[in-house]
Protein backbone atom coordinates (compact mmCIF):
# COMPACT_ATOMS: atom_id res chain seq x y z
CA UNK A 1 2.26 -18.61 15.34
CA UNK A 2 3.99 -16.41 13.29
CA UNK A 3 5.92 -17.88 10.33
CA UNK A 4 8.91 -16.15 11.16
CA UNK A 5 8.96 -17.39 14.57
CA UNK A 6 10.76 -20.61 16.22
CA UNK A 7 12.76 -21.83 19.03
CA UNK A 8 16.07 -20.65 17.93
CA UNK A 9 15.36 -17.29 17.91
CA UNK A 10 13.96 -14.88 15.13
CA UNK A 11 14.71 -16.02 11.47
CA UNK A 12 15.31 -12.59 10.55
CA UNK A 13 18.22 -10.82 12.74
CA UNK A 14 18.91 -7.44 11.82
CA UNK A 15 21.99 -5.14 13.00
CA UNK A 16 21.64 -1.64 12.36
CA UNK A 17 25.38 -0.27 11.93
CA UNK A 18 25.63 3.14 14.51
CA UNK A 19 26.30 6.52 12.51
CA UNK A 20 27.74 9.98 13.41
CA UNK A 21 25.12 12.45 14.40
CA UNK A 22 23.97 14.75 11.40
CA UNK A 23 24.89 18.32 11.57
CA UNK A 24 21.89 20.15 9.97
CA UNK A 25 19.27 17.74 10.43
CA UNK A 26 17.75 15.08 12.73
CA UNK A 27 16.79 11.55 11.83
CA UNK A 28 14.71 9.61 14.09
CA UNK A 29 14.06 5.67 13.37
CA UNK A 30 10.48 4.49 13.28
CA UNK A 31 11.72 0.92 13.57
CA UNK A 32 15.09 -1.21 13.53
CA UNK A 33 14.29 -2.36 9.99
CA UNK A 34 12.71 0.16 8.12
CA UNK A 35 11.84 4.01 8.31
CA UNK A 36 13.15 7.18 9.73
CA UNK A 37 11.60 10.46 9.94
CA UNK A 38 13.67 13.30 9.14
CA UNK A 39 13.58 17.02 10.45
CA UNK A 40 15.32 20.27 9.80
CA UNK A 41 15.04 20.28 6.13
CA UNK A 42 13.77 23.12 4.40
CA UNK A 43 12.99 21.99 0.66
CA UNK A 44 12.26 25.64 -0.11
CA UNK A 45 15.60 26.65 -0.10
CA UNK A 46 17.01 23.24 -1.58
CA UNK A 47 15.12 24.32 -4.84
CA UNK A 48 15.43 27.87 -4.64
CA UNK A 49 16.94 28.32 -8.26
CA UNK A 50 14.12 26.03 -9.95
CA UNK A 51 11.24 27.73 -7.76
CA UNK A 52 11.60 30.56 -6.37
CA UNK A 53 9.97 30.91 -2.57
CA UNK A 54 7.12 32.94 -4.00
CA UNK A 55 6.25 30.11 -6.44
CA UNK A 56 3.61 27.51 -5.17
CA UNK A 57 4.14 24.25 -3.23
CA UNK A 58 3.28 22.37 -6.30
CA UNK A 59 6.19 23.94 -8.11
CA UNK A 60 8.61 23.12 -5.25
CA UNK A 61 7.51 19.71 -5.45
CA UNK A 62 7.90 18.79 -8.87
CA UNK A 63 11.51 20.71 -8.41
CA UNK A 64 12.59 18.72 -5.46
CA UNK A 65 11.93 15.74 -7.49
CA UNK A 66 13.83 16.57 -10.26
CA UNK A 67 16.68 16.99 -7.92
CA UNK A 68 16.79 12.97 -8.04
CA UNK A 69 16.32 12.56 -11.72
CA UNK A 70 13.77 12.74 -14.66
CA UNK A 71 10.16 12.60 -13.42
CA UNK A 72 7.77 9.57 -14.39
CA UNK A 73 4.40 10.21 -15.59
CA UNK A 74 2.08 7.96 -14.25
CA UNK A 75 -0.01 5.65 -17.16
CA UNK A 76 -3.72 6.40 -15.75
CA UNK A 77 -3.92 8.58 -12.83
CA UNK A 78 -4.99 12.39 -13.37
CA UNK A 79 -2.88 14.95 -12.31
CA UNK A 80 -2.79 18.29 -10.57
CA UNK A 81 -2.50 21.60 -12.84
CA UNK A 82 -0.98 21.61 -15.89
CA UNK A 83 2.30 19.12 -15.30
CA UNK A 84 1.32 15.47 -16.08
CA UNK A 85 4.09 14.63 -13.66
CA UNK A 86 2.30 16.01 -10.47
CA UNK A 87 -0.09 12.93 -9.77
CA UNK A 88 -3.25 14.10 -7.55
CA UNK A 89 -3.97 12.34 -4.51
CA UNK A 90 -7.57 12.41 -2.98
CA UNK A 91 -10.26 10.33 -1.42
CA UNK A 92 -13.47 11.90 0.29
CA UNK A 93 -16.87 10.75 1.44
CA UNK A 94 -17.96 10.32 -1.92
CA UNK A 95 -14.71 8.69 -3.59
CA UNK A 96 -15.12 4.76 -4.57
CA UNK A 97 -11.84 4.22 -3.41
CA UNK A 98 -8.58 5.74 -2.16
CA UNK A 99 -4.90 5.64 -3.86
CA UNK A 100 -2.92 2.65 -2.84
CA UNK A 101 -5.49 0.59 -0.49
CA UNK A 102 -3.47 -2.62 -1.17
CA UNK A 103 0.25 -3.58 -0.55
CA UNK A 104 2.25 -2.64 -4.03
CA UNK A 105 4.93 -1.15 -5.39
CA UNK A 106 4.36 1.91 -7.37
CA UNK A 107 3.78 0.88 -11.16
CA UNK A 108 5.88 -1.93 -11.42
CA UNK A 109 4.24 -3.17 -14.55
CA UNK A 110 6.01 -0.68 -16.31
CA UNK A 111 9.23 -1.76 -18.32
CA UNK A 112 11.33 0.63 -16.47
CA UNK A 113 9.43 1.19 -13.13
CA UNK A 114 9.76 4.03 -11.25
CA UNK A 115 12.73 4.34 -8.57
CA UNK A 116 11.28 6.65 -5.92
CA UNK A 117 8.17 8.23 -4.75
CA UNK A 118 7.51 11.53 -3.02
CA UNK A 119 4.44 12.02 -1.57
CA UNK A 120 3.23 15.49 0.01
CA UNK A 121 -0.40 15.46 1.82
CA UNK A 122 -1.34 19.04 2.36
CA UNK A 123 -4.93 17.98 4.04
CA UNK A 124 -5.35 15.28 6.74
CA UNK A 125 -8.12 13.35 8.33
CA UNK A 126 -8.19 14.19 11.94
CA UNK A 127 -7.51 10.71 12.57
CA UNK A 128 -6.26 7.71 10.33
CA UNK A 129 -4.96 7.85 6.49
CA UNK A 130 -1.42 6.45 7.72
CA UNK A 131 0.98 4.24 5.29
CA UNK A 132 2.59 1.24 5.97
CA UNK A 133 5.59 0.40 4.54
CA UNK A 134 7.61 -3.07 4.49
CA UNK A 135 11.34 -3.76 3.80
CA UNK A 136 12.01 -6.02 0.97
CA UNK A 137 15.36 -6.72 1.49
CA UNK A 138 14.60 -8.10 4.83
CA UNK A 139 11.59 -9.94 2.98
CA UNK A 140 14.35 -11.56 1.11
CA UNK A 141 17.05 -12.47 3.71
CA UNK A 142 14.24 -14.02 6.08
CA UNK A 143 13.87 -16.52 3.31
CA UNK A 144 15.45 -19.96 3.63
CA UNK A 145 18.52 -20.67 1.30
CA UNK A 146 16.65 -23.19 -0.66
CA UNK A 147 13.70 -20.72 -1.22
CA UNK A 148 16.03 -18.13 -2.27
CA UNK A 149 17.97 -20.34 -4.74
CA UNK A 150 14.54 -21.34 -6.64
CA UNK A 151 13.49 -17.62 -6.63
CA UNK A 152 16.55 -16.39 -7.83
CA UNK A 153 16.49 -17.82 -11.37
CA UNK A 154 11.96 -16.64 -11.80
CA UNK A 155 10.63 -14.03 -13.38
CA UNK A 156 6.84 -12.59 -13.19
CA UNK A 157 4.50 -10.64 -15.26
CA UNK A 158 3.31 -7.46 -13.89
CA UNK A 159 0.26 -5.97 -15.54
CA UNK A 160 -1.46 -2.75 -15.39
CA UNK A 161 -4.61 -3.51 -17.37
CA UNK A 162 -6.84 -5.33 -14.61
CA UNK A 163 -5.54 -2.45 -12.14
CA UNK A 164 -6.02 0.71 -14.14
CA UNK A 165 -8.80 0.16 -16.86
CA UNK A 166 -11.55 2.16 -14.94
CA UNK A 167 -9.94 3.04 -12.11
CA UNK A 168 -10.13 6.86 -12.40
CA UNK A 169 -13.43 7.24 -14.29
CA UNK A 170 -14.74 9.14 -11.00
CA UNK A 171 -12.38 11.93 -11.91
CA UNK A 172 -13.51 12.02 -15.44
CA UNK A 173 -10.30 10.02 -16.72
CA UNK A 174 -10.94 7.92 -19.93
CA UNK A 175 -9.48 4.76 -20.29
CA UNK A 176 -6.19 4.26 -22.65
CA UNK A 177 -6.23 1.72 -25.41
CA UNK A 178 -3.94 -0.40 -23.46
CA UNK A 179 -1.98 -0.08 -20.05
CA UNK A 180 1.78 -0.97 -19.13
CA UNK A 181 2.87 -4.49 -18.57
CA UNK A 182 6.42 -6.15 -17.89
CA UNK A 183 8.29 -8.98 -17.00
CA UNK A 184 10.57 -8.74 -13.91
CA UNK A 185 12.72 -10.85 -11.87
CA UNK A 186 11.06 -12.15 -8.86
CA UNK A 187 14.04 -11.25 -6.94
CA UNK A 188 15.90 -8.00 -7.88
CA UNK A 189 19.30 -6.40 -7.43
CA UNK A 190 19.23 -2.69 -6.16
CA UNK A 191 21.54 -0.97 -8.47
CA UNK A 192 23.10 0.99 -5.99
CA UNK A 193 23.18 -1.17 -2.90
CA UNK A 194 23.83 -4.38 -4.53
CA UNK A 195 21.16 -5.82 -2.23
CA UNK A 196 18.75 -8.34 -3.50
CA UNK A 197 15.11 -8.03 -2.65
CA UNK A 198 11.92 -9.57 -3.37
CA UNK A 199 10.08 -7.81 -6.13
CA UNK A 200 6.63 -9.14 -6.48
CA UNK A 201 3.30 -7.50 -4.89
CA UNK A 202 -0.59 -8.18 -4.83
CA UNK A 203 -1.21 -5.05 -6.75
CA UNK A 204 0.40 -6.07 -10.41
CA UNK A 205 1.81 -9.47 -10.39
CA UNK A 206 -0.13 -11.65 -12.14
CA UNK A 207 2.03 -14.96 -12.25
CA UNK A 208 5.28 -16.43 -12.36
CA UNK A 209 6.79 -17.35 -15.97
CA UNK A 210 7.61 -20.57 -17.06
CA UNK A 211 6.11 -22.86 -14.02
CA UNK A 212 2.51 -24.30 -13.77
CA UNK A 213 0.01 -21.88 -12.91
CA UNK A 214 -1.24 -23.78 -9.61
CA UNK A 215 2.41 -23.66 -8.61
CA UNK A 216 2.68 -20.04 -9.38
CA UNK A 217 -0.48 -19.23 -7.14
CA UNK A 218 0.89 -21.13 -4.64
CA UNK A 219 4.55 -19.34 -4.51
CA UNK A 220 3.03 -15.93 -5.02
CA UNK A 221 0.61 -16.59 -1.94
CA UNK A 222 2.94 -17.41 0.08
CA UNK A 223 5.32 -14.56 -1.05
CA UNK A 224 2.45 -12.05 -0.36
CA UNK A 225 1.83 -13.30 3.15
CA UNK A 226 5.85 -13.31 3.99
CA UNK A 227 6.28 -10.02 2.63
CA UNK A 228 3.33 -8.64 4.56
CA UNK A 229 4.56 -9.70 8.41
CA UNK A 230 4.66 -7.13 10.55
CA UNK A 231 8.54 -7.61 11.18
CA UNK A 232 9.25 -5.68 7.77
CA UNK A 233 6.90 -3.17 8.62
CA UNK A 234 6.88 0.47 10.05
CA UNK A 235 3.80 2.72 10.33
CA UNK A 236 4.06 6.82 9.08
CA UNK A 237 1.77 8.89 10.74
CA UNK A 238 0.77 12.10 8.67
CA UNK A 239 0.64 15.36 9.60
CA UNK A 240 -0.57 18.40 7.15
CA UNK A 241 2.57 19.59 4.77
CA UNK A 242 4.63 16.16 5.63
CA UNK A 243 6.39 14.51 2.86
CA UNK A 244 7.29 10.81 2.42
CA UNK A 245 10.20 9.72 0.07
CA UNK A 246 10.19 5.75 -0.43
CA UNK A 247 12.63 3.60 -2.76
CA UNK A 248 10.46 1.39 -4.93
CA UNK A 249 13.34 -0.59 -5.83
CA UNK A 250 13.44 -2.11 -1.96
CA UNK A 251 10.05 -1.61 -0.63
CA UNK A 252 6.30 -2.19 -0.83
CA UNK A 253 3.74 0.31 0.87
CA UNK A 254 0.01 0.37 1.55
CA UNK A 255 -2.25 3.71 2.36
CA UNK A 256 -4.99 2.93 4.90
CA UNK A 257 -8.26 4.08 3.98
CA UNK A 258 -9.82 4.30 7.96
CA UNK A 259 -10.72 7.95 8.08
CA UNK A 260 -14.11 8.02 5.95
CA UNK A 261 -15.96 9.90 5.83
CA UNK A 262 -12.93 12.74 6.09
CA UNK A 263 -10.78 13.91 3.45
CA UNK A 264 -7.10 13.33 2.89
CA UNK A 265 -5.74 15.02 0.04
CA UNK A 266 -2.17 15.75 -1.84
CA UNK A 267 0.22 15.24 -4.59
CA UNK A 268 3.01 12.84 -5.50
CA UNK A 269 6.02 13.31 -7.45
CA UNK A 270 7.51 10.22 -8.94
CA UNK A 271 11.07 9.74 -10.17
CA UNK A 272 11.92 7.23 -12.99
CA UNK A 273 14.22 3.97 -12.69
CA UNK A 274 15.51 1.52 -14.59
CA UNK A 275 14.64 -1.87 -15.58
CA UNK A 276 14.99 -4.36 -12.78
CA UNK A 277 17.65 -7.06 -12.58
């Protein structure tokens, strides 16, 4: 039985506000709880001054990201071309791994983790390679009031060392002397919406600070299982030249590597964020 099911109806009840139709774009929700596909946007026109139409898509991708703020430089990953803000995404039949296989929030080990990520896929496998997204507002709201009270006062260590060391050796990327680590609240408040969201993930969170390790392990194991409930998720099916833009402050995501031996390739631009509070 799902941990969110019961005999009094669902524990998480979402009421989506109705909005007026858009004039120049179309928005199709993927689920009532998270995700939408937007059509009718011409990125080339949005960034025409920063990256004229005769420039490469890579330059338009970077210019589009800068519309939302200063760009974040990944602490370990290889980049495409000359700009370190353009992260390389690539997996084929010879790759030892693919980017983002487990549930995570991008680079949450940074003291100021990225606000948002913009992924552009140039080459898709014939089938598979979807990205799953999960709503951390909803995951928090579905907790009991007593669990919310317990978690609200806690912080956790996020560490990139065990993730990043040796991770990109197949690209010829040498390890750095050290990788980021930071302490963040288990529940963060979004600086724009003011809403609370869970902020722990399997990829980077190592332990909760100030409680016994066995208690930390048990609480984190529960939270990981909880946030991965399909109720909070949507599944984005890629097509070539599609772009996904997500808010790392209130979502987690996971890339499916179910397309071996085919190739999936693209680039990611990441926008700087602020220290979680």
